[in-house]
C-alpha cells in the first residue's frame, strides 16, 4: 500500500491459498512445490495470477504439466518461469537453461519469465544471463534488488543493488533492440 507496487509472494500449502490471495496480487509456486499437486489444484480454483517456477531438477514437460493442473481448474492466468536447474556444476547455484526459454515459447501460449538470479546465484552473472534470456525471447525477468545485499535475509549473493539494477536494465535495451524487441 505504501509503494503502490503489486506484491508477489510464494504460497506453499493449499490451505494458505485463500489467505495469501487476500493480500498478494500474484501467487508464486516455488521450485520445491512445482509438483505439489494439491497446491496446484487449489491455485486452479482461485482467480489470482500464478507464477509457476520450474522444479529444481524438473524437465520442461513436467513444468508444462504442472501448469496444466492449474489451468484445468479454471485459472488461465499462469506464467511459467525458468529459474535454473540442478546439474553437476558447483560454481553456480543452478544452471540457467537458456534453451528452455525458446522451447517454452514454442510449446505454450503462457508467458515465459526468466529468473537469472536463481539461475546463477551470483549477482555479477545476473546481467549477462538476463541479456541472453531477453535475446532468447523471455517475456519478463525476475530480478532481485536490495539496497544492502550483504544484510539481506535471503538470497543476498544474487541480489543487485539499485545502481547495479539500473546498469543491467540499461544494458538490456540494446540487446532487445538487436533482436527486434523493446524493454
N, C-alpha and C. Protein backbone atom coordinates (compact mmCIF):
# COMPACT_ATOMS: atom_id res chain seq x y z
N UNK A 1 0.82 -1.20 0.00
CA UNK A 1 0.00 0.00 0.00
C UNK A 1 0.86 1.26 0.00
N UNK A 2 2.02 1.21 0.68
CA UNK A 2 2.88 2.38 0.76
C UNK A 2 3.53 2.71 -0.57
N UNK A 3 3.86 1.69 -1.36
CA UNK A 3 4.58 1.94 -2.61
C UNK A 3 3.68 1.91 -3.83
N UNK A 4 2.54 1.25 -3.74
CA UNK A 4 1.68 1.08 -4.90
C UNK A 4 2.13 -0.05 -5.81
N UNK A 5 3.22 -0.72 -5.43
CA UNK A 5 3.72 -1.83 -6.24
C UNK A 5 2.89 -3.08 -6.01
N UNK A 6 2.64 -3.86 -7.06
CA UNK A 6 1.96 -5.14 -6.85
C UNK A 6 2.87 -6.09 -6.07
N UNK A 7 2.27 -7.01 -5.34
CA UNK A 7 3.01 -7.94 -4.49
C UNK A 7 2.88 -9.35 -5.04
N UNK A 8 4.02 -10.01 -5.16
CA UNK A 8 4.06 -11.43 -5.49
C UNK A 8 4.69 -12.14 -4.30
N UNK A 9 4.08 -13.24 -3.87
CA UNK A 9 4.65 -13.98 -2.76
C UNK A 9 4.36 -15.47 -2.95
N UNK A 10 5.24 -16.26 -2.37
CA UNK A 10 5.13 -17.70 -2.51
C UNK A 10 4.08 -18.26 -1.56
N UNK A 11 3.30 -19.17 -2.07
CA UNK A 11 2.34 -19.91 -1.26
C UNK A 11 2.78 -21.37 -1.31
N UNK A 12 2.77 -22.03 -0.14
CA UNK A 12 3.35 -23.37 -0.08
C UNK A 12 2.35 -24.46 0.27
N UNK A 13 1.18 -24.06 0.71
CA UNK A 13 0.20 -25.05 1.14
C UNK A 13 -1.17 -24.73 0.53
N UNK A 14 -1.92 -25.76 0.14
CA UNK A 14 -3.27 -25.49 -0.37
C UNK A 14 -4.14 -24.76 0.65
N UNK A 15 -3.88 -25.02 1.94
CA UNK A 15 -4.66 -24.38 2.99
C UNK A 15 -4.42 -22.88 3.08
N UNK A 16 -3.31 -22.40 2.51
CA UNK A 16 -2.96 -20.99 2.60
C UNK A 16 -3.33 -20.18 1.35
N UNK A 17 -3.81 -20.83 0.32
CA UNK A 17 -4.07 -20.15 -0.95
C UNK A 17 -5.05 -19.00 -0.78
N UNK A 18 -6.15 -19.23 -0.10
CA UNK A 18 -7.16 -18.17 0.05
C UNK A 18 -6.61 -17.00 0.86
N UNK A 19 -5.95 -17.28 1.97
CA UNK A 19 -5.41 -16.22 2.82
C UNK A 19 -4.35 -15.41 2.07
N UNK A 20 -3.40 -16.07 1.44
CA UNK A 20 -2.36 -15.36 0.69
C UNK A 20 -2.98 -14.57 -0.45
N UNK A 21 -3.98 -15.16 -1.10
CA UNK A 21 -4.66 -14.48 -2.19
C UNK A 21 -5.38 -13.21 -1.76
N UNK A 22 -5.75 -13.13 -0.48
CA UNK A 22 -6.40 -11.91 0.03
C UNK A 22 -5.44 -10.73 0.07
N UNK A 23 -4.14 -11.00 0.13
CA UNK A 23 -3.15 -9.94 0.29
C UNK A 23 -2.20 -9.76 -0.88
N UNK A 24 -1.91 -10.83 -1.61
CA UNK A 24 -0.94 -10.76 -2.70
C UNK A 24 -1.66 -10.58 -4.04
N UNK A 25 -0.97 -9.94 -4.96
CA UNK A 25 -1.51 -9.74 -6.31
C UNK A 25 -1.23 -10.94 -7.20
N UNK A 26 -0.11 -11.61 -6.95
CA UNK A 26 0.31 -12.79 -7.72
C UNK A 26 0.78 -13.83 -6.73
N UNK A 27 0.37 -15.08 -6.93
CA UNK A 27 0.79 -16.17 -6.07
C UNK A 27 1.89 -16.97 -6.77
N UNK A 28 2.97 -17.17 -6.06
CA UNK A 28 4.12 -17.87 -6.64
C UNK A 28 4.20 -19.30 -6.12
N UNK A 29 4.51 -20.21 -7.05
CA UNK A 29 4.80 -21.60 -6.69
C UNK A 29 6.30 -21.76 -6.87
N UNK A 30 7.00 -22.00 -5.77
CA UNK A 30 8.44 -22.15 -5.81
C UNK A 30 8.87 -23.46 -6.41
N UNK A 31 10.16 -23.55 -6.70
CA UNK A 31 10.72 -24.72 -7.37
C UNK A 31 10.47 -26.01 -6.59
N UNK A 32 10.43 -25.93 -5.28
CA UNK A 32 10.24 -27.14 -4.47
C UNK A 32 8.79 -27.57 -4.39
N UNK A 33 7.88 -26.77 -4.93
CA UNK A 33 6.45 -27.12 -4.90
C UNK A 33 5.84 -27.29 -6.28
N UNK A 34 6.67 -27.33 -7.30
CA UNK A 34 6.17 -27.43 -8.67
C UNK A 34 5.33 -28.69 -8.89
N UNK A 35 5.60 -29.73 -8.11
CA UNK A 35 4.81 -30.95 -8.24
C UNK A 35 3.97 -31.23 -6.99
N UNK A 36 3.61 -30.16 -6.29
CA UNK A 36 2.69 -30.25 -5.16
C UNK A 36 1.28 -30.14 -5.76
N UNK A 37 0.75 -31.29 -6.17
CA UNK A 37 -0.48 -31.29 -6.96
C UNK A 37 -1.69 -30.76 -6.20
N UNK A 38 -1.74 -30.96 -4.91
CA UNK A 38 -2.84 -30.38 -4.11
C UNK A 38 -2.79 -28.87 -4.16
N UNK A 39 -1.59 -28.31 -4.07
CA UNK A 39 -1.42 -26.86 -4.15
C UNK A 39 -1.80 -26.36 -5.54
N UNK A 40 -1.35 -27.04 -6.57
CA UNK A 40 -1.65 -26.62 -7.94
C UNK A 40 -3.15 -26.64 -8.21
N UNK A 41 -3.83 -27.68 -7.72
CA UNK A 41 -5.28 -27.76 -7.90
C UNK A 41 -5.99 -26.63 -7.16
N UNK A 42 -5.52 -26.30 -5.96
CA UNK A 42 -6.12 -25.20 -5.20
C UNK A 42 -5.91 -23.87 -5.93
N UNK A 43 -4.76 -23.68 -6.54
CA UNK A 43 -4.49 -22.46 -7.28
C UNK A 43 -5.36 -22.36 -8.54
N UNK A 44 -5.73 -23.50 -9.08
CA UNK A 44 -6.60 -23.52 -10.24
C UNK A 44 -8.01 -23.05 -9.94
N UNK A 45 -8.38 -23.07 -8.68
CA UNK A 45 -9.73 -22.69 -8.28
C UNK A 45 -9.84 -21.23 -7.86
N UNK A 46 -8.74 -20.50 -7.85
CA UNK A 46 -8.81 -19.09 -7.45
C UNK A 46 -8.51 -18.20 -8.66
N UNK A 47 -8.68 -16.91 -8.50
CA UNK A 47 -8.65 -16.00 -9.65
C UNK A 47 -7.37 -15.18 -9.76
N UNK A 48 -6.44 -15.33 -8.87
CA UNK A 48 -5.21 -14.54 -8.93
C UNK A 48 -4.21 -15.17 -9.91
N UNK A 49 -3.39 -14.34 -10.56
CA UNK A 49 -2.35 -14.89 -11.42
C UNK A 49 -1.38 -15.77 -10.62
N UNK A 50 -0.84 -16.78 -11.30
CA UNK A 50 0.09 -17.72 -10.67
C UNK A 50 1.42 -17.68 -11.41
N UNK A 51 2.49 -17.54 -10.65
CA UNK A 51 3.86 -17.52 -11.15
C UNK A 51 4.46 -18.87 -10.79
N UNK A 52 4.58 -19.74 -11.78
CA UNK A 52 4.98 -21.13 -11.56
C UNK A 52 6.43 -21.34 -11.96
N UNK A 53 7.26 -21.64 -10.97
CA UNK A 53 8.68 -21.86 -11.24
C UNK A 53 8.95 -23.31 -11.63
N UNK A 54 9.96 -23.50 -12.47
CA UNK A 54 10.39 -24.84 -12.85
C UNK A 54 11.02 -25.53 -11.64
N UNK A 55 10.76 -26.81 -11.51
CA UNK A 55 11.31 -27.58 -10.41
C UNK A 55 12.83 -27.65 -10.44
N UNK A 56 13.41 -27.92 -9.29
CA UNK A 56 14.86 -27.93 -9.14
C UNK A 56 15.54 -28.83 -10.17
N UNK A 57 14.98 -29.99 -10.41
CA UNK A 57 15.51 -30.90 -11.42
C UNK A 57 14.43 -31.25 -12.44
N UNK A 58 13.47 -30.37 -12.58
CA UNK A 58 12.31 -30.64 -13.43
C UNK A 58 12.60 -30.46 -14.91
N UNK A 59 11.91 -31.25 -15.68
CA UNK A 59 12.00 -31.11 -17.13
C UNK A 59 11.02 -30.03 -17.60
N UNK A 60 11.19 -29.62 -18.82
CA UNK A 60 10.26 -28.65 -19.40
C UNK A 60 8.86 -29.25 -19.45
N UNK A 61 8.77 -30.50 -19.83
CA UNK A 61 7.46 -31.16 -19.89
C UNK A 61 6.80 -31.20 -18.52
N UNK A 62 7.56 -31.48 -17.48
CA UNK A 62 7.00 -31.50 -16.13
C UNK A 62 6.49 -30.11 -15.72
N UNK A 63 7.21 -29.07 -16.09
CA UNK A 63 6.75 -27.70 -15.82
C UNK A 63 5.42 -27.44 -16.50
N UNK A 64 5.32 -27.82 -17.76
CA UNK A 64 4.08 -27.59 -18.51
C UNK A 64 2.93 -28.43 -17.95
N UNK A 65 3.21 -29.63 -17.51
CA UNK A 65 2.15 -30.45 -16.92
C UNK A 65 1.69 -29.87 -15.58
N UNK A 66 2.62 -29.28 -14.83
CA UNK A 66 2.23 -28.61 -13.58
C UNK A 66 1.33 -27.40 -13.89
N UNK A 67 1.68 -26.66 -14.93
CA UNK A 67 0.83 -25.55 -15.34
C UNK A 67 -0.56 -26.06 -15.72
N UNK A 68 -0.60 -27.21 -16.35
CA UNK A 68 -1.88 -27.78 -16.78
C UNK A 68 -2.79 -28.08 -15.59
N UNK A 69 -2.22 -28.48 -14.45
CA UNK A 69 -3.03 -28.70 -13.25
C UNK A 69 -3.77 -27.42 -12.87
N UNK A 70 -3.08 -26.29 -12.93
CA UNK A 70 -3.70 -25.01 -12.58
C UNK A 70 -4.73 -24.62 -13.62
N UNK A 71 -4.36 -24.71 -14.88
CA UNK A 71 -5.26 -24.32 -15.98
C UNK A 71 -6.53 -25.16 -15.97
N UNK A 72 -6.39 -26.45 -15.71
CA UNK A 72 -7.56 -27.34 -15.75
C UNK A 72 -8.56 -27.02 -14.65
N UNK A 73 -8.12 -26.30 -13.62
CA UNK A 73 -9.02 -25.88 -12.56
C UNK A 73 -9.78 -24.61 -12.90
N UNK A 74 -9.44 -24.00 -14.02
CA UNK A 74 -10.16 -22.80 -14.45
C UNK A 74 -9.36 -21.51 -14.38
N UNK A 75 -8.21 -21.53 -13.75
CA UNK A 75 -7.38 -20.32 -13.66
C UNK A 75 -6.48 -20.26 -14.89
N UNK A 76 -6.75 -19.34 -15.79
CA UNK A 76 -5.99 -19.21 -17.03
C UNK A 76 -4.84 -18.20 -16.92
N UNK A 77 -4.63 -17.67 -15.73
CA UNK A 77 -3.60 -16.65 -15.52
C UNK A 77 -2.33 -17.29 -14.94
N UNK A 78 -1.62 -18.02 -15.78
CA UNK A 78 -0.42 -18.74 -15.34
C UNK A 78 0.78 -18.24 -16.13
N UNK A 79 1.87 -18.00 -15.41
CA UNK A 79 3.16 -17.67 -16.02
C UNK A 79 4.12 -18.78 -15.64
N UNK A 80 4.95 -19.21 -16.58
CA UNK A 80 5.96 -20.23 -16.26
C UNK A 80 7.32 -19.55 -16.18
N UNK A 81 8.15 -20.05 -15.27
CA UNK A 81 9.42 -19.39 -15.00
C UNK A 81 10.58 -20.38 -15.09
N UNK A 82 11.54 -20.05 -15.95
CA UNK A 82 12.81 -20.78 -15.98
C UNK A 82 13.71 -20.13 -14.93
N UNK A 83 14.13 -20.92 -13.94
CA UNK A 83 14.92 -20.39 -12.83
C UNK A 83 16.20 -21.19 -12.61
N UNK A 84 16.57 -21.96 -13.61
CA UNK A 84 17.77 -22.77 -13.46
C UNK A 84 17.43 -24.12 -12.86
N UNK A 85 18.22 -25.10 -13.23
CA UNK A 85 18.02 -26.45 -12.73
C UNK A 85 19.31 -26.95 -12.08
N UNK A 86 19.18 -27.95 -11.26
CA UNK A 86 20.33 -28.55 -10.60
C UNK A 86 21.08 -29.42 -11.61
N UNK A 87 22.37 -29.20 -11.67
CA UNK A 87 23.23 -30.03 -12.51
C UNK A 87 24.46 -30.42 -11.68
N UNK A 88 25.44 -30.97 -12.35
CA UNK A 88 26.67 -31.33 -11.65
C UNK A 88 27.59 -30.12 -11.42
N UNK A 89 27.26 -29.00 -12.02
CA UNK A 89 28.08 -27.80 -11.87
C UNK A 89 28.02 -27.30 -10.43
N UNK A 90 29.15 -26.89 -9.88
CA UNK A 90 29.19 -26.42 -8.50
C UNK A 90 29.58 -24.95 -8.36
N UNK A 91 30.06 -24.33 -9.42
CA UNK A 91 30.48 -22.93 -9.32
C UNK A 91 29.28 -21.99 -9.22
N UNK A 92 28.20 -22.32 -9.92
CA UNK A 92 26.99 -21.51 -9.83
C UNK A 92 25.95 -22.25 -8.99
N UNK A 93 25.00 -21.51 -8.48
CA UNK A 93 23.95 -22.11 -7.64
C UNK A 93 23.14 -23.14 -8.41
N UNK A 94 22.72 -22.76 -9.62
CA UNK A 94 21.99 -23.63 -10.54
C UNK A 94 22.57 -23.41 -11.93
N UNK A 95 22.04 -24.14 -12.89
CA UNK A 95 22.43 -23.92 -14.28
C UNK A 95 21.21 -23.36 -14.99
N UNK A 96 21.31 -22.10 -15.43
CA UNK A 96 20.19 -21.48 -16.13
C UNK A 96 20.07 -22.12 -17.50
N UNK A 97 18.91 -22.69 -17.80
CA UNK A 97 18.67 -23.39 -19.06
C UNK A 97 18.13 -22.42 -20.10
N UNK A 98 19.04 -21.76 -20.81
CA UNK A 98 18.62 -20.78 -21.81
C UNK A 98 17.79 -21.44 -22.91
N UNK A 99 18.03 -22.72 -23.18
CA UNK A 99 17.23 -23.45 -24.17
C UNK A 99 15.75 -23.48 -23.80
N UNK A 100 15.47 -23.48 -22.51
CA UNK A 100 14.09 -23.59 -22.05
C UNK A 100 13.24 -22.41 -22.52
N UNK A 101 13.84 -21.24 -22.63
CA UNK A 101 13.05 -20.05 -22.99
C UNK A 101 12.42 -20.21 -24.38
N UNK A 102 13.20 -20.42 -25.45
CA UNK A 102 12.55 -20.57 -26.76
C UNK A 102 11.72 -21.85 -26.88
N UNK A 103 12.13 -22.91 -26.18
CA UNK A 103 11.34 -24.14 -26.22
C UNK A 103 9.97 -23.89 -25.61
N UNK A 104 9.93 -23.26 -24.44
CA UNK A 104 8.64 -22.95 -23.81
C UNK A 104 7.81 -22.03 -24.69
N UNK A 105 8.46 -21.03 -25.29
CA UNK A 105 7.74 -20.11 -26.18
C UNK A 105 7.09 -20.86 -27.34
N UNK A 106 7.74 -21.93 -27.80
CA UNK A 106 7.18 -22.69 -28.93
C UNK A 106 6.10 -23.68 -28.50
N UNK A 107 6.12 -24.09 -27.24
CA UNK A 107 5.20 -25.14 -26.78
C UNK A 107 3.96 -24.62 -26.07
N UNK A 108 3.96 -23.35 -25.67
CA UNK A 108 2.83 -22.85 -24.88
C UNK A 108 2.52 -21.40 -25.22
N UNK A 109 1.29 -21.02 -24.95
CA UNK A 109 0.87 -19.62 -25.08
C UNK A 109 1.14 -18.83 -23.81
N UNK A 110 1.55 -19.51 -22.75
CA UNK A 110 1.74 -18.87 -21.46
C UNK A 110 2.97 -17.95 -21.48
N UNK A 111 2.93 -16.86 -20.72
CA UNK A 111 4.11 -16.00 -20.62
C UNK A 111 5.28 -16.78 -20.01
N UNK A 112 6.47 -16.54 -20.56
CA UNK A 112 7.69 -17.21 -20.10
C UNK A 112 8.56 -16.16 -19.41
N UNK A 113 8.82 -16.40 -18.14
CA UNK A 113 9.60 -15.49 -17.33
C UNK A 113 10.96 -16.13 -17.07
N UNK A 114 12.02 -15.32 -17.06
CA UNK A 114 13.36 -15.81 -16.75
C UNK A 114 13.79 -15.24 -15.40
N UNK A 115 14.40 -16.09 -14.59
CA UNK A 115 14.90 -15.70 -13.28
C UNK A 115 16.41 -15.94 -13.25
N UNK A 116 17.20 -14.98 -13.77
CA UNK A 116 18.64 -15.19 -13.83
C UNK A 116 19.32 -15.17 -12.47
N UNK A 117 18.68 -14.61 -11.46
CA UNK A 117 19.27 -14.58 -10.12
C UNK A 117 19.33 -15.99 -9.53
N UNK A 118 18.19 -16.68 -9.50
CA UNK A 118 18.19 -18.05 -9.01
C UNK A 118 18.92 -18.98 -9.97
N UNK A 119 18.92 -18.62 -11.24
CA UNK A 119 19.60 -19.44 -12.24
C UNK A 119 21.10 -19.47 -12.08
N UNK A 120 21.66 -18.46 -11.42
CA UNK A 120 23.11 -18.40 -11.25
C UNK A 120 23.52 -18.34 -9.78
N UNK A 121 22.74 -17.63 -8.97
CA UNK A 121 23.08 -17.46 -7.56
C UNK A 121 24.13 -16.40 -7.31
N UNK A 122 24.54 -15.68 -8.37
CA UNK A 122 25.60 -14.69 -8.23
C UNK A 122 25.18 -13.38 -8.90
N UNK A 123 25.22 -12.30 -8.16
CA UNK A 123 24.74 -11.01 -8.67
C UNK A 123 25.47 -10.59 -9.94
N UNK A 124 26.76 -10.89 -10.06
CA UNK A 124 27.52 -10.43 -11.22
C UNK A 124 27.22 -11.22 -12.48
N UNK A 125 26.50 -12.31 -12.36
CA UNK A 125 26.09 -13.10 -13.52
C UNK A 125 24.67 -12.78 -13.97
N UNK A 126 23.94 -12.06 -13.15
CA UNK A 126 22.53 -11.76 -13.46
C UNK A 126 22.42 -10.98 -14.77
N UNK A 127 23.24 -9.96 -14.97
CA UNK A 127 23.16 -9.14 -16.18
C UNK A 127 23.40 -9.93 -17.45
N UNK A 128 24.52 -10.66 -17.57
CA UNK A 128 24.75 -11.43 -18.79
C UNK A 128 23.67 -12.47 -19.07
N UNK A 129 23.20 -13.15 -18.03
CA UNK A 129 22.17 -14.18 -18.24
C UNK A 129 20.83 -13.51 -18.58
N UNK A 130 20.55 -12.36 -17.99
CA UNK A 130 19.33 -11.61 -18.34
C UNK A 130 19.37 -11.20 -19.81
N UNK A 131 20.53 -10.77 -20.28
CA UNK A 131 20.67 -10.40 -21.70
C UNK A 131 20.38 -11.60 -22.60
N UNK A 132 20.92 -12.74 -22.24
CA UNK A 132 20.68 -13.96 -23.03
C UNK A 132 19.20 -14.32 -23.02
N UNK A 133 18.55 -14.17 -21.87
CA UNK A 133 17.13 -14.50 -21.76
C UNK A 133 16.27 -13.57 -22.62
N UNK A 134 16.61 -12.28 -22.64
CA UNK A 134 15.88 -11.33 -23.49
C UNK A 134 16.08 -11.71 -24.95
N UNK A 135 17.31 -12.00 -25.33
CA UNK A 135 17.59 -12.38 -26.72
C UNK A 135 16.87 -13.67 -27.10
N UNK A 136 16.70 -14.57 -26.14
CA UNK A 136 16.04 -15.85 -26.40
C UNK A 136 14.52 -15.74 -26.45
N UNK A 137 13.96 -14.60 -26.00
CA UNK A 137 12.53 -14.39 -26.11
C UNK A 137 11.75 -14.32 -24.82
N UNK A 138 12.40 -14.27 -23.67
CA UNK A 138 11.67 -14.20 -22.40
C UNK A 138 10.72 -13.01 -22.40
N UNK A 139 9.53 -13.22 -21.87
CA UNK A 139 8.52 -12.16 -21.80
C UNK A 139 8.78 -11.19 -20.66
N UNK A 140 9.48 -11.65 -19.63
CA UNK A 140 9.77 -10.81 -18.47
C UNK A 140 10.95 -11.42 -17.72
N UNK A 141 11.50 -10.64 -16.83
CA UNK A 141 12.60 -11.09 -15.98
C UNK A 141 12.22 -10.90 -14.52
N UNK A 142 12.67 -11.82 -13.69
CA UNK A 142 12.55 -11.67 -12.26
C UNK A 142 13.96 -11.40 -11.74
N UNK A 143 14.18 -10.20 -11.21
CA UNK A 143 15.50 -9.81 -10.74
C UNK A 143 15.35 -9.25 -9.33
N UNK A 144 16.12 -9.79 -8.42
CA UNK A 144 16.05 -9.35 -7.04
C UNK A 144 16.95 -8.13 -6.83
N UNK A 145 16.41 -7.13 -6.14
CA UNK A 145 17.14 -5.90 -5.85
C UNK A 145 17.05 -5.64 -4.35
N UNK A 146 18.19 -5.28 -3.77
CA UNK A 146 18.24 -5.00 -2.33
C UNK A 146 19.23 -3.86 -2.10
N UNK A 147 18.88 -2.89 -1.26
CA UNK A 147 19.80 -1.76 -1.04
C UNK A 147 21.11 -2.18 -0.36
N UNK A 148 21.09 -3.28 0.38
CA UNK A 148 22.29 -3.78 1.05
C UNK A 148 22.28 -5.30 1.00
N UNK A 149 22.66 -5.90 -0.14
CA UNK A 149 22.57 -7.35 -0.29
C UNK A 149 23.28 -8.14 0.82
N UNK A 150 24.33 -7.58 1.39
CA UNK A 150 25.05 -8.26 2.46
C UNK A 150 24.23 -8.46 3.72
N UNK A 151 23.20 -7.66 3.91
CA UNK A 151 22.34 -7.80 5.08
C UNK A 151 20.97 -8.39 4.74
N UNK A 152 20.80 -8.84 3.49
CA UNK A 152 19.51 -9.44 3.08
C UNK A 152 19.24 -10.71 3.88
N UNK A 153 17.98 -10.93 4.24
CA UNK A 153 17.61 -12.12 5.00
C UNK A 153 17.77 -13.39 4.17
N UNK A 154 17.63 -13.26 2.85
CA UNK A 154 17.82 -14.41 1.98
C UNK A 154 18.29 -13.93 0.61
N UNK A 155 18.99 -14.78 -0.08
CA UNK A 155 19.39 -14.57 -1.47
C UNK A 155 20.22 -13.30 -1.70
N UNK A 156 20.95 -12.85 -0.71
CA UNK A 156 21.76 -11.65 -0.85
C UNK A 156 22.83 -11.78 -1.92
N UNK A 157 23.42 -12.95 -2.05
CA UNK A 157 24.51 -13.15 -3.02
C UNK A 157 24.04 -12.94 -4.46
N UNK A 158 22.76 -13.11 -4.71
CA UNK A 158 22.24 -12.97 -6.07
C UNK A 158 21.44 -11.68 -6.26
N UNK A 159 21.39 -10.85 -5.25
CA UNK A 159 20.62 -9.61 -5.32
C UNK A 159 21.48 -8.48 -5.86
N UNK A 160 20.88 -7.66 -6.71
CA UNK A 160 21.55 -6.48 -7.24
C UNK A 160 21.25 -5.27 -6.36
N UNK A 161 22.21 -4.37 -6.27
CA UNK A 161 21.92 -3.08 -5.64
C UNK A 161 21.09 -2.27 -6.64
N UNK A 162 20.41 -1.23 -6.21
CA UNK A 162 19.67 -0.41 -7.16
C UNK A 162 20.55 0.13 -8.30
N UNK A 163 21.77 0.53 -8.00
CA UNK A 163 22.67 1.02 -9.06
C UNK A 163 23.01 -0.07 -10.07
N UNK A 164 23.31 -1.28 -9.58
CA UNK A 164 23.60 -2.39 -10.50
C UNK A 164 22.37 -2.75 -11.33
N UNK A 165 21.21 -2.68 -10.70
CA UNK A 165 19.97 -2.97 -11.42
C UNK A 165 19.79 -1.98 -12.57
N UNK A 166 20.03 -0.71 -12.31
CA UNK A 166 19.90 0.32 -13.36
C UNK A 166 20.87 0.03 -14.51
N UNK A 167 22.08 -0.39 -14.19
CA UNK A 167 23.07 -0.73 -15.23
C UNK A 167 22.61 -1.93 -16.05
N UNK A 168 22.08 -2.94 -15.37
CA UNK A 168 21.58 -4.12 -16.09
C UNK A 168 20.45 -3.71 -17.02
N UNK A 169 19.50 -2.93 -16.53
CA UNK A 169 18.37 -2.51 -17.36
C UNK A 169 18.84 -1.70 -18.57
N UNK A 170 19.79 -0.82 -18.36
CA UNK A 170 20.33 -0.04 -19.49
C UNK A 170 21.03 -0.95 -20.49
N UNK A 171 21.68 -2.01 -20.03
CA UNK A 171 22.35 -2.95 -20.91
C UNK A 171 21.38 -3.85 -21.67
N UNK A 172 20.18 -4.03 -21.13
CA UNK A 172 19.19 -4.89 -21.79
C UNK A 172 18.55 -4.22 -23.01
N UNK A 173 18.43 -2.92 -22.97
CA UNK A 173 17.76 -2.21 -24.06
C UNK A 173 18.42 -2.47 -25.43
N UNK A 174 19.74 -2.32 -25.56
CA UNK A 174 20.34 -2.58 -26.88
C UNK A 174 20.23 -4.05 -27.31
N UNK A 175 20.25 -4.96 -26.35
CA UNK A 175 20.08 -6.38 -26.69
C UNK A 175 18.68 -6.61 -27.25
N UNK A 176 17.69 -6.07 -26.57
CA UNK A 176 16.31 -6.20 -27.05
C UNK A 176 16.15 -5.60 -28.43
N UNK A 177 16.69 -4.41 -28.64
CA UNK A 177 16.60 -3.77 -29.96
C UNK A 177 17.29 -4.59 -31.03
N UNK A 178 18.41 -5.23 -30.70
CA UNK A 178 19.15 -6.04 -31.67
C UNK A 178 18.34 -7.24 -32.17
N UNK A 179 17.41 -7.72 -31.35
CA UNK A 179 16.57 -8.85 -31.76
C UNK A 179 15.14 -8.42 -32.05
N UNK A 180 14.95 -7.11 -32.28
CA UNK A 180 13.63 -6.62 -32.68
C UNK A 180 12.62 -6.55 -31.57
N UNK A 181 13.06 -6.32 -30.33
CA UNK A 181 12.16 -6.26 -29.19
C UNK A 181 12.34 -4.95 -28.46
N UNK A 182 11.44 -4.66 -27.52
CA UNK A 182 11.53 -3.49 -26.68
C UNK A 182 11.50 -3.89 -25.22
N UNK A 183 12.13 -3.07 -24.39
CA UNK A 183 12.05 -3.26 -22.94
C UNK A 183 10.93 -2.37 -22.43
